[in-house]
Amino acid sequence: MTTGPVPGGASEAFREKFRRMLSGISSVILGQETVVEELLVAALARGHALIEGVPGLGKTRLVRAFAEATDLQFARIQFTPDLMPADVTGTTVFVEGRESFEFQPGPVFANVLLADEINRATPKSQSALLEAMQEKAVTVAGTRHPLPDPFMVLATQNPLEMEGTYPLPEAQLDRFMFKILVQRPDAATLRRILVVTTGSDEGRVERVFDREELLTLQRMLRAVPIADTALDYVVRLVEATHEHPYVRLGASPRGAQAITLAAKGFALAAGRPNVELEDIRRAVLPALRHRLMLTFEAEVEGVDTDAVLREVVEGLDKKR
């Protein structure tokens, strides 16, 4: 094992907090339990999440609901083509009377940053988040400014085929722990949404825990043990993404880290004190779907990354 076991009581406490938060957010984000679960695992693993779906599916409301449930400092940036990097990070301004320059923090200085429709801004503005997401700090005019702890970027984006979107650079995509897909609700769920959202009270998520409790849960997640055989499975899985005929560029080491941390989160959420292979399989799609670059042949044949990853997992399991 890579770490000592998580005490049974601590594991149960994590599961109870996770269940309460999942239930609370799912009460206002209807029919998206899988989406909510993946968002919570990413947040508790100290990761960033990219949430993709067509307009009108509640992506922004999902992020707001998470911030309400955790009582964290929340900020929102609406990404548009004219957004400048300084609008994200902040800038230095000259203060009359003091005859000096002072740093004015931008909205990135928050615990939960909603980067709304991130792929509607130009690559130059998108890149303003690169240092923040990796180093938990921003550098302005040669001075490094640490960000609050915890810090997470929860970005929404529209599908790339929609008008007015710019694809995110591969380096930035790789910094997102998860890419979460929000699907269109079925007829029954749509009816429930209409009942809830067109009445006198849209509902509000109750606070489940505060900042210190969140930090405790994040430390607890990282302490979950994972057996050497499970780590070997993650390594072989990532290596297999480079060998698939439809893959031009496979998953990076950061992808392997994302799978491992996510598997720990899924294990705790299920009440297990250690990682099992099913937890790793559960983490594969959200952790790797945005990290693979497919060949031209795959695009022509309509093969997406999820289909490739399922083949990779199936092939790996047949060899066991």
Foldseek 3Di string as FASTA:
>chain_A
DPFDFQDLVVLVVLLVLLVLLLVLLCVLLPPPSVLLLLVVLQVLLLFAEEEEDAPPNCLVVSLVQNCQQAVWFEFEDEAAQPDALCQAAFAWDQDPPVRDIDTDGHRQQTAEYEDEQLFLYDQNNSCSCLCCLPVQWHAYPRDIGHHDPPHYYYYYHYPPVDPRGHDHDLSVLLSGQFYHYRDDDDPVRVVVNCVLCVDPHVDGGHHSYYRVVSVVSSVLLVNQAEDPVLLVLLVQLQVLQVVDPFFPDTADVSLSVSLVSQQSSVCSNVSHRHGDNVSSVSRNCGRGQSNTDTDPVCVVVVHGSVNVSVVSVVVSVVVD
